[in-house]
Amino acid sequence: MKLISFVRSGQTGYGAVIDSGVAVLTGTAGAATLRDLLAVGGVDAARARVATAKPDFVLADCDLLPPIPDPAKVLCVGINYVAHAAEAGRTVGKYPVIFQRYADTLIGHGATMLRPKASEKFDYEGELAVVIGRGGGHIAPENAMDHVAGYTCFNDASARDWQFHTHQYGMGKNFRTSGPLGPWLVTADEVPDYRDLRIRTMLNGQEMQNDTLSKLAFDVPHLISYISQALDWQPGDVLATGTPSGVGFKRNPPVLLKDGDTIDVVIEGVGTLSNPVRDEA
């Protein structure tokens, strides 16, 4: 299934994409939001409804929110492709580089990314994001994929100058509207092996990044397990797995986001996340 969170006629809800339409699932298993649906283990109930459902409206008649608009945690991984580490002048270490994003930096497919007034180096980072379906702590790597609800596209857009103000670059990763996520959550049963997925980032139609998820230095089970030693995962939490090589600020000359650009993150078998860029007023 492709599960979305949306706004339509001023009302928020969630549903499943069927062809070019949306079957509304709001309230399934008593869950008011998609995050609640994951928390109550209601995905099978949603799948049963979708099996006989007809679209309630066309997809174009709603605005897409991030699939999980309000995750309790958004955890991101830095330097997780060897080629990206090389272009950044880094090496992959013994442990994954983990940093946090705030949920209120997330926006949905089609929403506008604001190029910050405070930054002259606004950059893209196409990534696969994993959405947690079943929570828990101290998860063994061999059990980690049982905790995955599904996958979506993510753009970990970064204010590079702010990112390197200090050794802790969280501020550069948390500007308003800098975290597009979507367009939908593809449930895990639709992706037999995430490692077979190819990720591309397109800037105004030109390919900037292209790699496969098999190239992750720390794979998804390792990341879920590693983080769970410190924090309990909750249903709806988001794990952003890192970006391939080809980021803008390491190109010669640099290619940074500007007013009027359109940036797309394309993951085969998952979808295309597309967002326009405008200067912050």
C-alpha atoms as a PDB file:
ATOM      1  CA  MET A   1       0.000   0.000   0.000  1.00  0.00           C
ATOM      2  CA  LYS A   2       0.868   3.624  -0.469  1.00  0.00           C
ATOM      3  CA  LEU A   3      -0.315   5.436   2.654  1.00  0.00           C
ATOM      4  CA  ILE A   4      -0.590   9.212   2.815  1.00  0.00           C
ATOM      5  CA  SER A   5      -1.452  11.943   5.279  1.00  0.00           C
ATOM      6  CA  PHE A   6      -3.321  14.827   3.709  1.00  0.00           C
ATOM      7  CA  VAL A   7      -5.262  18.057   4.106  1.00  0.00           C
ATOM      8  CA  ARG A   8      -8.493  18.466   2.157  1.00  0.00           C
ATOM      9  CA  SER A   9     -11.079  21.198   2.603  1.00  0.00           C
ATOM     10  CA  GLY A  10      -9.326  22.252   5.792  1.00  0.00           C
ATOM     11  CA  GLN A  11      -9.539  18.771   7.314  1.00  0.00           C
ATOM     12  CA  THR A  12      -6.590  16.452   7.947  1.00  0.00           C
ATOM     13  CA  GLY A  13      -6.776  12.727   7.407  1.00  0.00           C
ATOM     14  CA  TYR A  14      -4.971   9.711   6.034  1.00  0.00           C
ATOM     15  CA  GLY A  15      -5.648   7.192   3.332  1.00  0.00           C
ATOM     16  CA  ALA A  16      -4.327   4.877   0.661  1.00  0.00           C
ATOM     17  CA  VAL A  17      -3.470   5.841  -2.898  1.00  0.00           C
ATOM     18  CA  ILE A  18      -5.387   3.759  -5.440  1.00  0.00           C
ATOM     19  CA  ASP A  19      -4.321   4.588  -8.991  1.00  0.00           C
ATOM     20  CA  SER A  20      -4.793   8.386  -9.099  1.00  0.00           C
ATOM     21  CA  GLY A  21      -7.305   8.484  -6.257  1.00  0.00           C
ATOM     22  CA  VAL A  22      -7.395   8.295  -2.471  1.00  0.00           C
ATOM     23  CA  ALA A  23      -9.385   5.890  -0.336  1.00  0.00           C
ATOM     24  CA  VAL A  24      -9.905   7.560   3.042  1.00  0.00           C
ATOM     25  CA  LEU A  25      -8.821   5.398   5.977  1.00  0.00           C
ATOM     26  CA  THR A  26      -9.171   7.923   8.789  1.00  0.00           C
ATOM     27  CA  GLY A  27     -10.568   6.173  11.842  1.00  0.00           C
ATOM     28  CA  THR A  28      -9.474   2.661  10.844  1.00  0.00           C
ATOM     29  CA  ALA A  29      -8.956   0.553  13.987  1.00  0.00           C
ATOM     30  CA  GLY A  30      -9.933   3.656  15.956  1.00  0.00           C
ATOM     31  CA  ALA A  31      -6.817   5.518  14.749  1.00  0.00           C
ATOM     32  CA  ALA A  32      -7.194   9.234  14.037  1.00  0.00           C
ATOM     33  CA  THR A  33      -3.778   9.573  12.352  1.00  0.00           C
ATOM     34  CA  LEU A  34      -1.414   7.369  10.384  1.00  0.00           C
ATOM     35  CA  ARG A  35       0.991   7.428  13.292  1.00  0.00           C
ATOM     36  CA  ASP A  36      -1.827   6.171  15.542  1.00  0.00           C
ATOM     37  CA  LEU A  37      -2.615   3.441  13.010  1.00  0.00           C
ATOM     38  CA  LEU A  38       0.939   2.148  13.287  1.00  0.00           C
ATOM     39  CA  ALA A  39       0.812   2.364  17.074  1.00  0.00           C
ATOM     40  CA  VAL A  40      -2.310   0.179  17.307  1.00  0.00           C
ATOM     41  CA  GLY A  41      -1.021  -2.320  14.750  1.00  0.00           C
ATOM     42  CA  GLY A  42      -3.783  -1.379  12.324  1.00  0.00           C
ATOM     43  CA  VAL A  43      -1.980  -1.797   8.991  1.00  0.00           C
ATOM     44  CA  ASP A  44      -3.628  -5.157   8.285  1.00  0.00           C
ATOM     45  CA  ALA A  45      -7.035  -3.648   9.012  1.00  0.00           C
ATOM     46  CA  ALA A  46      -6.239  -0.827   6.591  1.00  0.00           C
ATOM     47  CA  ARG A  47      -5.128  -3.338   3.967  1.00  0.00           C
ATOM     48  CA  ALA A  48      -8.401  -5.223   4.330  1.00  0.00           C
ATOM     49  CA  ARG A  49     -10.385  -2.017   3.769  1.00  0.00           C
ATOM     50  CA  VAL A  50      -8.295  -1.063   0.756  1.00  0.00           C
ATOM     51  CA  ALA A  51      -8.867  -4.471  -0.859  1.00  0.00           C
ATOM     52  CA  THR A  52     -12.492  -3.571  -1.583  1.00  0.00           C
ATOM     53  CA  ALA A  53     -12.307   0.236  -1.449  1.00  0.00           C
ATOM     54  CA  LYS A  54     -12.968   2.720  -4.202  1.00  0.00           C
ATOM     55  CA  PRO A  55     -11.311   6.157  -4.249  1.00  0.00           C
ATOM     56  CA  ASP A  56     -13.155   8.856  -2.339  1.00  0.00           C
ATOM     57  CA  PHE A  57     -11.475  11.676  -4.272  1.00  0.00           C
ATOM     58  CA  VAL A  58      -8.663  12.218  -6.744  1.00  0.00           C
ATOM     59  CA  LEU A  59      -5.162  12.649  -5.381  1.00  0.00           C
ATOM     60  CA  ALA A  60      -4.826  16.105  -6.943  1.00  0.00           C
ATOM     61  CA  ASP A  61      -7.695  17.358  -4.755  1.00  0.00           C
ATOM     62  CA  CYS A  62      -5.661  17.280  -1.542  1.00  0.00           C
ATOM     63  CA  ASP A  63      -2.409  18.665  -0.197  1.00  0.00           C
ATOM     64  CA  LEU A  64       0.057  16.036   0.929  1.00  0.00           C
ATOM     65  CA  LEU A  65       1.580  16.234   4.385  1.00  0.00           C
ATOM     66  CA  PRO A  66       4.644  14.260   5.410  1.00  0.00           C
ATOM     67  CA  PRO A  67       3.355  10.658   5.681  1.00  0.00           C
ATOM     68  CA  ILE A  68       3.967  10.905   9.436  1.00  0.00           C
ATOM     69  CA  PRO A  69       3.443  14.629  10.120  1.00  0.00           C
ATOM     70  CA  ASP A  70       4.408  14.461  13.795  1.00  0.00           C
ATOM     71  CA  PRO A  71       6.983  11.733  14.458  1.00  0.00           C
ATOM     72  CA  ALA A  72       8.283  11.573  18.003  1.00  0.00           C
ATOM     73  CA  LYS A  73      11.808  11.188  16.615  1.00  0.00           C
ATOM     74  CA  VAL A  74      13.542  11.955  13.329  1.00  0.00           C
ATOM     75  CA  LEU A  75      17.016  10.431  13.457  1.00  0.00           C
ATOM     76  CA  CYS A  76      19.447  10.970  10.611  1.00  0.00           C
ATOM     77  CA  VAL A  77      22.678   9.279   9.609  1.00  0.00           C
ATOM     78  CA  GLY A  78      25.676  11.180   8.280  1.00  0.00           C
ATOM     79  CA  ILE A  79      28.548   9.895   6.128  1.00  0.00           C
ATOM     80  CA  ASN A  80      26.805   6.602   5.352  1.00  0.00           C
ATOM     81  CA  TYR A  81      27.983   6.060   1.772  1.00  0.00           C
ATOM     82  CA  VAL A  82      31.714   5.502   1.215  1.00  0.00           C
ATOM     83  CA  ALA A  83      31.754   7.692  -1.917  1.00  0.00           C
ATOM     84  CA  HIS A  84      30.014  10.534  -0.082  1.00  0.00           C
ATOM     85  CA  ALA A  85      32.486  10.228   2.782  1.00  0.00           C
ATOM     86  CA  ALA A  86      35.327  10.524   0.250  1.00  0.00           C
ATOM     87  CA  GLU A  87      33.898  13.638  -1.420  1.00  0.00           C
ATOM     88  CA  ALA A  88      33.435  15.207   2.026  1.00  0.00           C
ATOM     89  CA  GLY A  89      37.029  14.427   2.990  1.00  0.00           C
ATOM     90  CA  ARG A  90      35.878  11.965   5.648  1.00  0.00           C
ATOM     91  CA  THR A  91      36.099   8.243   6.259  1.00  0.00           C
ATOM     92  CA  VAL A  92      33.404   5.939   7.535  1.00  0.00           C
ATOM     93  CA  GLY A  93      34.102   5.324  11.207  1.00  0.00           C
ATOM     94  CA  LYS A  94      33.500   2.403  13.520  1.00  0.00           C
ATOM     95  CA  TYR A  95      30.137   3.789  14.603  1.00  0.00           C
ATOM     96  CA  PRO A  96      27.404   5.550  12.611  1.00  0.00           C
ATOM     97  CA  VAL A  97      27.148   9.343  12.796  1.00  0.00           C
ATOM     98  CA  ILE A  98      23.701  10.064  14.259  1.00  0.00           C
ATOM     99  CA  PHE A  99      22.066  13.471  14.511  1.00  0.00           C
ATOM    100  CA  GLN A 100      18.544  14.680  15.163  1.00  0.00           C
ATOM    101  CA  ARG A 101      15.986  16.639  13.210  1.00  0.00           C
ATOM    102  CA  TYR A 102      12.950  18.403  14.607  1.00  0.00           C
ATOM    103  CA  ALA A 103       9.569  17.279  13.329  1.00  0.00           C
ATOM    104  CA  ASP A 104       8.470  20.837  12.632  1.00  0.00           C
ATOM    105  CA  THR A 105      11.135  21.165   9.917  1.00  0.00           C
ATOM    106  CA  LEU A 106       9.313  18.498   7.856  1.00  0.00           C
ATOM    107  CA  ILE A 107       7.130  19.376   4.867  1.00  0.00           C
ATOM    108  CA  GLY A 108       5.230  17.246   2.376  1.00  0.00           C
ATOM    109  CA  HIS A 109       5.517  16.549  -1.324  1.00  0.00           C
ATOM    110  CA  GLY A 110       4.842  19.671  -3.364  1.00  0.00           C
ATOM    111  CA  ALA A 111       5.324  22.076  -0.456  1.00  0.00           C
ATOM    112  CA  THR A 112       7.744  24.959  -0.820  1.00  0.00           C
ATOM    113  CA  MET A 113      11.255  24.813   0.596  1.00  0.00           C
ATOM    114  CA  LEU A 114      12.354  28.242   1.775  1.00  0.00           C
ATOM    115  CA  ARG A 115      15.971  29.087   1.012  1.00  0.00           C
ATOM    116  CA  PRO A 116      17.042  30.638   4.333  1.00  0.00           C
ATOM    117  CA  LYS A 117      17.765  34.343   4.531  1.00  0.00           C
ATOM    118  CA  ALA A 118      20.526  33.464   6.999  1.00  0.00           C
ATOM    119  CA  SER A 119      22.364  31.058   4.678  1.00  0.00           C
ATOM    120  CA  GLU A 120      24.164  31.389   1.361  1.00  0.00           C
ATOM    121  CA  LYS A 121      24.791  27.641   1.000  1.00  0.00           C
ATOM    122  CA  PHE A 122      21.470  25.782   0.909  1.00  0.00           C
ATOM    123  CA  ASP A 123      22.049  22.238  -0.365  1.00  0.00           C
ATOM    124  CA  TYR A 124      20.102  19.062  -1.177  1.00  0.00           C
ATOM    125  CA  GLU A 125      20.558  15.517   0.161  1.00  0.00           C
ATOM    126  CA  GLY A 126      18.382  12.771  -1.315  1.00  0.00           C
ATOM    127  CA  GLU A 127      17.817   9.881   1.097  1.00  0.00           C
ATOM    128  CA  LEU A 128      15.721   6.817   1.802  1.00  0.00           C
ATOM    129  CA  ALA A 129      13.747   7.189   5.017  1.00  0.00           C
ATOM    130  CA  VAL A 130      12.573   4.210   7.056  1.00  0.00           C
ATOM    131  CA  VAL A 131       9.384   4.531   9.106  1.00  0.00           C
ATOM    132  CA  ILE A 132       9.185   2.448  12.255  1.00  0.00           C
ATOM    133  CA  GLY A 133       6.025   0.401  12.686  1.00  0.00           C
ATOM    134  CA  ARG A 134       6.707  -1.455  15.906  1.00  0.00           C
ATOM    135  CA  GLY A 135       8.589   0.145  18.758  1.00  0.00           C
ATOM    136  CA  GLY A 136      11.074  -1.285  21.180  1.00  0.00           C
ATOM    137  CA  GLY A 137      14.533  -1.060  22.667  1.00  0.00           C
ATOM    138  CA  HIS A 138      17.605  -3.279  22.599  1.00  0.00           C
ATOM    139  CA  ILE A 139      16.581  -4.720  19.236  1.00  0.00           C
ATOM    140  CA  ALA A 140      18.846  -7.384  17.774  1.00  0.00           C
ATOM    141  CA  PRO A 141      19.979  -6.729  14.171  1.00  0.00           C
ATOM    142  CA  GLU A 142      18.416 -10.004  13.011  1.00  0.00           C
ATOM    143  CA  ASN A 143      15.028  -8.820  14.291  1.00  0.00           C
ATOM    144  CA  ALA A 144      15.277  -5.182  13.227  1.00  0.00           C
ATOM    145  CA  MET A 145      13.385  -5.437   9.934  1.00  0.00           C
ATOM    146  CA  ASP A 146      10.353  -6.728  11.835  1.00  0.00           C
ATOM    147  CA  HIS A 147      10.073  -3.202  13.242  1.00  0.00           C
ATOM    148  CA  VAL A 148       9.876  -1.488   9.831  1.00  0.00           C
ATOM    149  CA  ALA A 149       6.461  -0.244   8.675  1.00  0.00           C
ATOM    150  CA  GLY A 150       7.727   0.980   5.318  1.00  0.00           C
ATOM    151  CA  TYR A 151       9.747   3.458   3.327  1.00  0.00           C
ATOM    152  CA  THR A 152       9.521   6.969   1.945  1.00  0.00           C
ATOM    153  CA  CYS A 153      11.717   9.591   0.285  1.00  0.00           C
ATOM    154  CA  PHE A 154      13.518  12.301   2.217  1.00  0.00           C
ATOM    155  CA  ASN A 155      15.481  15.428   1.345  1.00  0.00           C
ATOM    156  CA  ASP A 156      17.825  16.307   4.207  1.00  0.00           C
ATOM    157  CA  ALA A 157      18.357  19.827   2.881  1.00  0.00           C
ATOM    158  CA  SER A 158      21.217  21.519   4.692  1.00  0.00           C
ATOM    159  CA  ALA A 159      22.444  25.057   5.305  1.00  0.00           C
ATOM    160  CA  ARG A 160      26.103  24.147   4.817  1.00  0.00           C
ATOM    161  CA  ASP A 161      27.585  27.337   6.276  1.00  0.00           C
ATOM    162  CA  TRP A 162      25.548  26.870   9.459  1.00  0.00           C
ATOM    163  CA  GLN A 163      26.265  23.139   9.476  1.00  0.00           C
ATOM    164  CA  PHE A 164      29.950  23.853   9.964  1.00  0.00           C
ATOM    165  CA  HIS A 165      29.687  26.740  12.425  1.00  0.00           C
ATOM    166  CA  THR A 166      30.678  24.179  15.086  1.00  0.00           C
ATOM    167  CA  HIS A 167      31.637  20.515  15.274  1.00  0.00           C
ATOM    168  CA  GLN A 168      27.998  19.689  16.038  1.00  0.00           C
ATOM    169  CA  TYR A 169      26.189  20.509  12.814  1.00  0.00           C
ATOM    170  CA  GLY A 170      22.601  20.102  13.968  1.00  0.00           C
ATOM    171  CA  MET A 171      21.675  23.748  13.375  1.00  0.00           C
ATOM    172  CA  GLY A 172      22.503  23.462   9.687  1.00  0.00           C
ATOM    173  CA  LYS A 173      20.123  20.522   9.486  1.00  0.00           C
ATOM    174  CA  ASN A 174      17.145  22.149  11.168  1.00  0.00           C
ATOM    175  CA  PHE A 175      16.103  25.225   9.229  1.00  0.00           C
ATOM    176  CA  ARG A 176      12.371  25.687   8.757  1.00  0.00           C
ATOM    177  CA  THR A 177      10.844  23.838   5.744  1.00  0.00           C
ATOM    178  CA  SER A 178      14.168  22.110   5.038  1.00  0.00           C
ATOM    179  CA  GLY A 179      12.986  18.512   5.478  1.00  0.00           C
ATOM    180  CA  PRO A 180      10.710  17.308   2.659  1.00  0.00           C
ATOM    181  CA  LEU A 181       9.346  13.823   3.370  1.00  0.00           C
ATOM    182  CA  GLY A 182       7.032  11.788   1.144  1.00  0.00           C
ATOM    183  CA  PRO A 183       5.098  11.610  -1.043  1.00  0.00           C
ATOM    184  CA  TRP A 184       3.758   8.535   0.737  1.00  0.00           C
ATOM    185  CA  LEU A 185       4.703   5.612   2.938  1.00  0.00           C
ATOM    186  CA  VAL A 186       5.151   2.434   0.904  1.00  0.00           C
ATOM    187  CA  THR A 187       4.493  -0.485   3.235  1.00  0.00           C
ATOM    188  CA  ALA A 188       7.338  -2.908   3.795  1.00  0.00           C
ATOM    189  CA  ASP A 189       5.572  -5.812   2.057  1.00  0.00           C
ATOM    190  CA  GLU A 190       5.833  -3.865  -1.223  1.00  0.00           C
ATOM    191  CA  VAL A 191       9.652  -3.721  -0.991  1.00  0.00           C
ATOM    192  CA  PRO A 192      11.145  -7.235  -0.875  1.00  0.00           C
ATOM    193  CA  ASP A 193      14.684  -5.921  -0.300  1.00  0.00           C
ATOM    194  CA  TYR A 194      15.408  -2.229   0.265  1.00  0.00           C
ATOM    195  CA  ARG A 195      19.024  -2.833  -0.817  1.00  0.00           C
ATOM    196  CA  ASP A 196      17.826  -3.289  -4.393  1.00  0.00           C
ATOM    197  CA  LEU A 197      16.385   0.229  -4.503  1.00  0.00           C
ATOM    198  CA  ARG A 198      18.090   2.939  -6.557  1.00  0.00           C
ATOM    199  CA  ILE A 199      18.037   6.531  -5.356  1.00  0.00           C
ATOM    200  CA  ARG A 200      18.471   9.566  -7.597  1.00  0.00           C
ATOM    201  CA  THR A 201      18.303  13.288  -6.913  1.00  0.00           C
ATOM    202  CA  MET A 202      17.285  15.572  -9.777  1.00  0.00           C
ATOM    203  CA  LEU A 203      17.785  19.355  -9.787  1.00  0.00           C
ATOM    204  CA  ASN A 204      15.639  21.037 -12.415  1.00  0.00           C
ATOM    205  CA  GLY A 205      15.600  17.736 -14.281  1.00  0.00           C
ATOM    206  CA  GLN A 206      19.369  17.207 -14.151  1.00  0.00           C
ATOM    207  CA  GLU A 207      20.672  14.173 -12.289  1.00  0.00           C
ATOM    208  CA  MET A 208      22.871  15.095  -9.329  1.00  0.00           C
ATOM    209  CA  GLN A 209      22.952  11.876  -7.263  1.00  0.00           C
ATOM    210  CA  ASN A 210      22.595   8.239  -8.296  1.00  0.00           C
ATOM    211  CA  ASP A 211      23.357   5.161  -6.186  1.00  0.00           C
ATOM    212  CA  THR A 212      21.786   2.049  -4.701  1.00  0.00           C
ATOM    213  CA  LEU A 213      20.859   1.334  -1.113  1.00  0.00           C
ATOM    214  CA  SER A 214      23.198  -1.673  -1.189  1.00  0.00           C
ATOM    215  CA  LYS A 215      26.025   0.865  -0.815  1.00  0.00           C
ATOM    216  CA  LEU A 216      25.064   1.932   2.700  1.00  0.00           C
ATOM    217  CA  ALA A 217      28.056   1.640   5.006  1.00  0.00           C
ATOM    218  CA  PHE A 218      25.752   0.881   7.953  1.00  0.00           C
ATOM    219  CA  ASP A 219      22.671  -1.004   6.804  1.00  0.00           C
ATOM    220  CA  VAL A 220      19.140  -0.531   8.081  1.00  0.00           C
ATOM    221  CA  PRO A 221      19.158  -3.429  10.590  1.00  0.00           C
ATOM    222  CA  HIS A 222      22.438  -2.196  12.070  1.00  0.00           C
ATOM    223  CA  LEU A 223      21.129   1.358  12.414  1.00  0.00           C
ATOM    224  CA  ILE A 224      17.834   0.323  14.006  1.00  0.00           C
ATOM    225  CA  SER A 225      19.650  -1.947  16.441  1.00  0.00           C
ATOM    226  CA  TYR A 226      22.417   0.545  17.267  1.00  0.00           C
ATOM    227  CA  ILE A 227      20.043   3.391  18.067  1.00  0.00           C
ATOM    228  CA  SER A 228      17.761   1.091  20.059  1.00  0.00           C
ATOM    229  CA  GLN A 229      20.543   0.475  22.546  1.00  0.00           C
ATOM    230  CA  ALA A 230      20.090   4.093  23.679  1.00  0.00           C
ATOM    231  CA  LEU A 231      16.527   5.037  22.726  1.00  0.00           C
ATOM    232  CA  ASP A 232      13.291   3.118  22.465  1.00  0.00           C
ATOM    233  CA  TRP A 233      11.880   3.318  18.968  1.00  0.00           C
ATOM    234  CA  GLN A 234       8.239   4.417  18.759  1.00  0.00           C
ATOM    235  CA  PRO A 235       5.751   3.690  15.960  1.00  0.00           C
ATOM    236  CA  GLY A 236       5.982   6.486  13.412  1.00  0.00           C
ATOM    237  CA  ASP A 237       9.589   7.391  14.173  1.00  0.00           C
ATOM    238  CA  VAL A 238      11.665   8.216  11.090  1.00  0.00           C
ATOM    239  CA  LEU A 239      15.175   7.001  10.312  1.00  0.00           C
ATOM    240  CA  ALA A 240      16.903   8.864   7.458  1.00  0.00           C
ATOM    241  CA  THR A 241      19.628   6.581   6.156  1.00  0.00           C
ATOM    242  CA  GLY A 242      22.112   9.054   4.663  1.00  0.00           C
ATOM    243  CA  THR A 243      22.868  10.559   1.267  1.00  0.00           C
ATOM    244  CA  PRO A 244      24.989   9.321  -1.656  1.00  0.00           C
ATOM    245  CA  SER A 245      27.788  11.293  -3.294  1.00  0.00           C
ATOM    246  CA  GLY A 246      26.967  14.214  -5.549  1.00  0.00           C
ATOM    247  CA  VAL A 247      25.889  16.827  -3.026  1.00  0.00           C
ATOM    248  CA  GLY A 248      25.975  20.372  -4.311  1.00  0.00           C
ATOM    249  CA  PHE A 249      28.536  22.054  -2.094  1.00  0.00           C
ATOM    250  CA  LYS A 250      31.234  19.514  -2.989  1.00  0.00           C
ATOM    251  CA  ARG A 251      30.856  19.988  -6.736  1.00  0.00           C
ATOM    252  CA  ASN A 252      33.321  22.068  -8.704  1.00  0.00           C
ATOM    253  CA  PRO A 253      31.927  24.651  -9.031  1.00  0.00           C
ATOM    254  CA  PRO A 254      29.395  24.214  -6.205  1.00  0.00           C
ATOM    255  CA  VAL A 255      25.739  23.804  -7.194  1.00  0.00           C
ATOM    256  CA  LEU A 256      23.513  25.202  -4.450  1.00  0.00           C
ATOM    257  CA  LEU A 257      19.758  25.622  -4.284  1.00  0.00           C
ATOM    258  CA  LYS A 258      18.309  28.936  -5.427  1.00  0.00           C
ATOM    259  CA  ASP A 259      14.979  30.629  -5.886  1.00  0.00           C
ATOM    260  CA  GLY A 260      12.983  28.985  -8.683  1.00  0.00           C
ATOM    261  CA  ASP A 261      14.645  25.554  -8.478  1.00  0.00           C
ATOM    262  CA  THR A 262      12.773  22.271  -8.278  1.00  0.00           C
ATOM    263  CA  ILE A 263      14.421  19.384  -6.446  1.00  0.00           C
ATOM    264  CA  ASP A 264      13.249  15.786  -6.822  1.00  0.00           C
ATOM    265  CA  VAL A 265      14.249  12.701  -4.833  1.00  0.00           C
ATOM    266  CA  VAL A 266      13.411   9.610  -6.882  1.00  0.00           C
ATOM    267  CA  ILE A 267      13.553   6.112  -5.375  1.00  0.00           C
ATOM    268  CA  GLU A 268      12.541   3.216  -7.584  1.00  0.00           C
ATOM    269  CA  GLY A 269       9.694   1.275  -6.048  1.00  0.00           C
ATOM    270  CA  VAL A 270       8.967   4.031  -3.534  1.00  0.00           C
ATOM    271  CA  GLY A 271       8.136   7.243  -5.383  1.00  0.00           C
ATOM    272  CA  THR A 272       9.180  10.754  -6.351  1.00  0.00           C
ATOM    273  CA  LEU A 273       9.360  13.545  -3.795  1.00  0.00           C
ATOM    274  CA  SER A 274       9.275  16.910  -5.568  1.00  0.00           C
ATOM    275  CA  ASN A 275       9.543  20.378  -4.008  1.00  0.00           C
ATOM    276  CA  PRO A 276       9.998  23.908  -5.350  1.00  0.00           C
ATOM    277  CA  VAL A 277      12.534  26.268  -3.779  1.00  0.00           C
ATOM    278  CA  ARG A 278      11.797  29.910  -3.058  1.00  0.00           C
ATOM    279  CA  ASP A 279      13.731  32.610  -1.233  1.00  0.00           C
ATOM    280  CA  GLU A 280      12.563  33.190   2.325  1.00  0.00           C
ATOM    281  CA  ALA A 281      10.770  36.516   2.492  1.00  0.00           C
END
